[in-house]
Amino acid sequence: MASASAELLTDAFGRIRETVLAAVSGLTPDQLTRRLDPDANPVGWLAWHLTRVQDDHIAAAFGAGQVWTDGGWATRFGLPGDMVEIGYGHTSAQVADVAAKVSAAGELLAEYHEATHAQTIKHVSSITDADLSRVVDRSWTPAVTLGVRLVSVINDCMQHAGQAAFVRGILLR
């Protein structure tokens, strides 16, 4: 039987998944790359970025490989094969470039999110309450525990998923 923490985390990441898939579902490449103003983040980039953050941070917290690198996703999206960026600090031009590539790849964006979600659930579904106090990052003061890292990832991903859903709503009105 899963711990209460594992059940809660599985539910939270499931809600992110539902929001992301609803935000990208049925949008054309043009809609996925459309910006509400010249520097706004489009749906395609937001979905890619939040998935990269989840993939990167969950893999690091559990000492696992990233879905992105293990699955050759950069190449599959037409990005440089050695690209491991997650989107933090991207310029407007970088946002446009990544959005165009990940959005042109059709269903691959949703597939990458699904693969990342599956790996996330594999890791969080076996968490015990005691696991949450394990330190996963000593580069901060205080050091970051697994519980804090997971809440941070959930918060960041849900904010970006909400932004993507908002942009989708504007585009389809």
Protein backbone atom coordinates (compact mmCIF):
# COMPACT_ATOMS: atom_id res chain seq x y z
CA MET A 1 0.00 0.00 0.00
CA ALA A 2 1.32 3.45 -0.96
CA SER A 3 2.07 6.01 1.72
CA ALA A 4 -0.16 9.04 2.10
CA SER A 5 2.72 11.15 0.76
CA ALA A 6 3.05 8.96 -2.34
CA GLU A 7 -0.68 9.16 -3.00
CA LEU A 8 -0.70 12.94 -2.60
CA LEU A 9 2.30 13.41 -4.89
CA THR A 10 0.90 11.04 -7.51
CA ASP A 11 -2.33 13.03 -7.50
CA ALA A 12 -0.53 16.38 -7.79
CA PHE A 13 1.62 15.27 -10.73
CA GLY A 14 -1.47 13.73 -12.34
CA ARG A 15 -3.19 17.11 -12.21
CA ILE A 16 -0.21 18.72 -13.94
CA ARG A 17 -0.41 16.04 -16.64
CA GLU A 18 -4.13 16.62 -17.18
CA THR A 19 -3.65 20.39 -17.47
CA VAL A 20 -0.72 20.09 -19.88
CA LEU A 21 -2.46 17.60 -22.16
CA ALA A 22 -5.64 19.69 -22.20
CA ALA A 23 -3.62 22.82 -23.02
CA VAL A 24 -1.82 21.32 -26.04
CA SER A 25 -4.54 18.98 -27.31
CA GLY A 26 -5.79 19.79 -30.78
CA LEU A 27 -3.71 22.93 -31.23
CA THR A 28 -1.99 23.43 -34.57
CA PRO A 29 1.74 24.17 -34.78
CA ASP A 30 0.81 27.80 -35.50
CA GLN A 31 -1.34 27.99 -32.36
CA LEU A 32 1.34 26.29 -30.25
CA THR A 33 3.88 28.93 -31.32
CA ARG A 34 1.63 32.00 -31.28
CA ARG A 35 2.58 34.67 -28.79
CA LEU A 36 0.08 37.02 -27.19
CA ASP A 37 2.68 39.78 -27.48
CA PRO A 38 6.16 39.79 -29.05
CA ASP A 39 7.91 38.47 -25.94
CA ALA A 40 5.18 36.30 -24.41
CA ASN A 41 5.75 32.59 -23.97
CA PRO A 42 3.64 30.46 -26.34
CA VAL A 43 1.81 27.28 -25.33
CA GLY A 44 4.36 24.99 -27.01
CA TRP A 45 7.32 26.51 -25.20
CA LEU A 46 5.48 26.57 -21.85
CA ALA A 47 4.60 22.87 -22.15
CA TRP A 48 8.15 21.99 -23.20
CA HIS A 49 9.73 24.09 -20.43
CA LEU A 50 7.61 22.76 -17.58
CA THR A 51 8.21 19.21 -18.77
CA ARG A 52 11.96 19.82 -18.96
CA VAL A 53 11.93 21.25 -15.42
CA GLN A 54 9.98 18.25 -14.12
CA ASP A 55 12.23 15.80 -15.98
CA ASP A 56 15.47 17.48 -14.89
CA HIS A 57 14.57 18.03 -11.25
CA ILE A 58 12.89 14.67 -10.63
CA ALA A 59 15.77 12.78 -12.26
CA ALA A 60 18.30 14.66 -10.11
CA ALA A 61 16.30 14.14 -6.90
CA PHE A 62 16.15 10.39 -7.48
CA GLY A 63 19.60 9.91 -9.03
CA ALA A 64 18.08 8.76 -12.31
CA GLY A 65 18.67 9.54 -15.96
CA GLN A 66 16.50 12.14 -17.61
CA VAL A 67 13.79 11.05 -20.03
CA TRP A 68 15.05 13.87 -22.31
CA THR A 69 18.56 12.50 -22.73
CA ASP A 70 17.80 8.79 -22.34
CA GLY A 71 15.10 8.98 -25.02
CA GLY A 72 16.96 11.23 -27.46
CA TRP A 73 14.17 13.80 -27.30
CA ALA A 74 16.30 16.76 -28.41
CA THR A 75 17.07 15.06 -31.71
CA ARG A 76 13.48 13.89 -32.08
CA PHE A 77 12.38 17.53 -31.80
CA GLY A 78 14.99 18.70 -34.29
CA LEU A 79 17.06 20.42 -31.61
CA PRO A 80 20.82 19.92 -31.14
CA GLY A 81 21.31 16.39 -29.80
CA ASP A 82 23.44 17.61 -26.90
CA MET A 83 20.91 20.23 -25.77
CA VAL A 84 20.09 19.76 -22.09
CA GLU A 85 18.65 23.21 -21.39
CA ILE A 86 15.40 23.49 -19.48
CA GLY A 87 14.47 26.99 -20.62
CA TYR A 88 15.49 29.10 -17.63
CA GLY A 89 16.99 32.32 -18.92
CA HIS A 90 15.93 31.78 -22.51
CA THR A 91 15.88 34.93 -24.58
CA SER A 92 12.85 35.79 -26.67
CA ALA A 93 14.65 34.42 -29.75
CA GLN A 94 15.47 31.14 -27.98
CA VAL A 95 11.84 30.80 -26.86
CA ALA A 96 10.70 31.30 -30.46
CA ASP A 97 13.23 28.78 -31.82
CA VAL A 98 12.44 26.05 -29.29
CA ALA A 99 8.69 26.65 -29.57
CA ALA A 100 8.82 26.33 -33.36
CA LYS A 101 10.73 23.05 -33.20
CA VAL A 102 8.76 21.35 -30.42
CA SER A 103 5.47 22.53 -31.89
CA ALA A 104 6.23 21.38 -35.44
CA ALA A 105 6.82 17.86 -34.15
CA GLY A 106 3.09 17.25 -33.71
CA GLU A 107 2.17 14.83 -30.96
CA LEU A 108 5.78 14.50 -29.78
CA LEU A 109 5.30 17.29 -27.24
CA ALA A 110 2.48 15.39 -25.55
CA GLU A 111 4.47 12.14 -25.85
CA TYR A 112 7.47 13.71 -24.13
CA HIS A 113 5.25 14.95 -21.32
CA GLU A 114 3.65 11.50 -20.98
CA ALA A 115 7.06 9.82 -20.80
CA THR A 116 8.25 12.31 -18.18
CA HIS A 117 5.03 11.88 -16.21
CA ALA A 118 5.46 8.10 -16.25
CA GLN A 119 9.00 8.36 -14.89
CA THR A 120 7.88 10.87 -12.25
CA ILE A 121 5.09 8.56 -11.07
CA LYS A 122 7.50 5.62 -10.99
CA HIS A 123 9.67 7.57 -8.55
CA VAL A 124 7.08 9.28 -6.36
CA SER A 125 4.70 6.34 -6.04
CA SER A 126 7.09 4.52 -3.73
CA ILE A 127 7.97 7.47 -1.50
CA THR A 128 7.57 7.01 2.21
CA ASP A 129 6.92 9.88 4.57
CA ALA A 130 10.48 9.50 5.92
CA ASP A 131 11.94 9.92 2.39
CA LEU A 132 10.71 13.51 2.25
CA SER A 133 13.37 14.70 4.71
CA ARG A 134 16.26 13.30 2.62
CA VAL A 135 18.57 16.12 1.46
CA VAL A 136 18.78 16.27 -2.35
CA ASP A 137 20.59 19.59 -2.90
CA ARG A 138 23.23 21.07 -0.62
CA SER A 139 23.90 24.10 -2.83
CA TRP A 140 21.20 26.08 -0.98
CA THR A 141 21.02 27.29 2.61
CA PRO A 142 19.26 25.56 4.11
CA ALA A 143 19.87 22.39 2.12
CA VAL A 144 16.89 21.30 0.01
CA THR A 145 15.04 18.16 1.04
CA LEU A 146 13.18 15.85 -1.30
CA GLY A 147 9.87 17.14 0.06
CA VAL A 148 10.79 20.77 -0.60
CA ARG A 149 12.10 19.94 -4.09
CA LEU A 150 8.92 18.06 -5.03
CA VAL A 151 6.67 20.88 -3.81
CA SER A 152 8.82 23.35 -5.76
CA VAL A 153 8.53 21.29 -8.95
CA ILE A 154 4.77 20.90 -8.52
CA ASN A 155 4.37 24.63 -7.93
CA ASP A 156 6.51 25.64 -10.92
CA CYS A 157 4.93 23.13 -13.29
CA MET A 158 1.36 23.95 -12.32
CA GLN A 159 1.98 27.68 -12.75
CA HIS A 160 3.34 27.11 -16.27
CA ALA A 161 0.55 24.66 -17.11
CA GLY A 162 -1.96 27.29 -16.00
CA GLN A 163 -0.25 29.87 -18.20
CA ALA A 164 -0.44 27.48 -21.16
CA ALA A 165 -4.14 26.88 -20.49
CA PHE A 166 -4.74 30.63 -20.29
CA VAL A 167 -2.96 31.29 -23.60
CA ARG A 168 -4.91 28.44 -25.20
CA GLY A 169 -8.15 30.03 -24.00
CA ILE A 170 -7.22 33.39 -25.53
CA LEU A 171 -6.24 31.72 -28.84
CA LEU A 172 -9.47 29.76 -29.12
CA ARG A 173 -11.93 32.48 -28.16
